[in-house]
Protein backbone atom coordinates (compact mmCIF):
# COMPACT_ATOMS: atom_id res chain seq x y z
CA MET A 1 45.26 28.31 -67.90
CA ASP A 2 47.71 30.53 -66.07
CA CYS A 3 48.56 30.36 -62.35
CA ARG A 4 45.96 32.92 -61.39
CA GLU A 5 43.15 31.08 -63.19
CA LEU A 6 44.18 27.75 -61.69
CA LEU A 7 44.25 29.31 -58.25
CA ALA A 8 40.80 30.85 -58.73
CA GLU A 9 39.36 27.45 -59.66
CA ILE A 10 40.97 25.85 -56.62
CA ARG A 11 39.74 28.58 -54.29
CA ARG A 12 36.16 28.14 -55.59
CA THR A 13 36.17 24.78 -53.82
CA GLY A 14 36.31 26.59 -50.48
CA LEU A 15 40.00 26.20 -49.65
CA THR A 16 41.43 29.23 -47.86
CA GLN A 17 44.57 31.04 -48.95
CA ALA A 18 46.38 29.49 -45.99
CA GLU A 19 45.27 25.97 -46.94
CA VAL A 20 46.35 26.45 -50.55
CA ALA A 21 49.67 27.92 -49.42
CA GLU A 22 50.32 24.92 -47.16
CA LYS A 23 49.58 22.48 -49.98
CA LEU A 24 51.91 24.37 -52.34
CA GLY A 25 54.68 24.88 -49.79
CA ILE A 26 54.56 28.67 -50.08
CA ARG A 27 53.50 31.55 -47.84
CA GLN A 28 49.89 32.70 -47.62
CA ALA A 29 51.09 36.16 -48.65
CA SER A 30 52.33 34.68 -51.94
CA VAL A 31 48.88 33.22 -52.62
CA SER A 32 47.35 36.63 -51.88
CA LYS A 33 49.75 38.40 -54.25
CA LEU A 34 48.99 35.88 -56.98
CA GLU A 35 45.24 36.37 -56.55
CA ARG A 36 45.59 40.15 -56.66
CA GLY A 37 47.77 40.06 -59.76
CA LEU A 38 50.83 41.44 -58.00
CA THR A 39 52.81 38.42 -59.12
CA LYS A 40 52.16 36.20 -62.10
CA GLU A 41 54.38 33.19 -61.59
CA LEU A 42 55.32 30.59 -59.03
CA ARG A 43 58.53 28.67 -58.52
CA ALA A 44 58.63 25.53 -60.64
CA GLY A 45 58.02 23.25 -57.64
CA ALA A 46 55.05 25.26 -56.41
CA TYR A 47 53.63 25.45 -59.93
CA SER A 48 53.83 21.66 -60.25
CA LYS A 49 51.98 21.30 -56.95
CA LEU A 50 49.38 23.83 -58.14
CA LEU A 51 48.78 21.77 -61.29
CA ALA A 52 48.52 18.55 -59.27
CA LEU A 53 46.06 20.15 -56.82
CA TYR A 54 43.98 21.47 -59.71
CA GLY A 55 43.99 18.01 -61.27
CA ARG A 56 42.75 16.40 -58.05
CA ILE A 57 40.01 18.99 -57.65
CA SER A 58 38.94 18.69 -61.28
CA SER A 59 38.72 14.93 -61.09
CA GLN A 60 36.62 15.17 -57.90
CA GLU A 61 34.21 17.56 -59.62
CA VAL A 62 33.84 15.19 -62.57
CA SER A 63 33.12 12.21 -60.32
CA HIS A 64 30.60 14.22 -58.27
CA GLY A 65 29.11 16.17 -61.16
């Protein structure tokens, strides 16, 4: 999965762009650009946080599903 797909899965949980941005340590505008396809990559640190957030959300869905 690329950044945009991971972000889409995370946003389906109801988190806002601002909430995701805060968790990743980036600006809300960066989340918006990623969603709209204006940028395709994140800094390594933000990408690691994105993967960790996705992992937490995925494990919650499995335990609730």
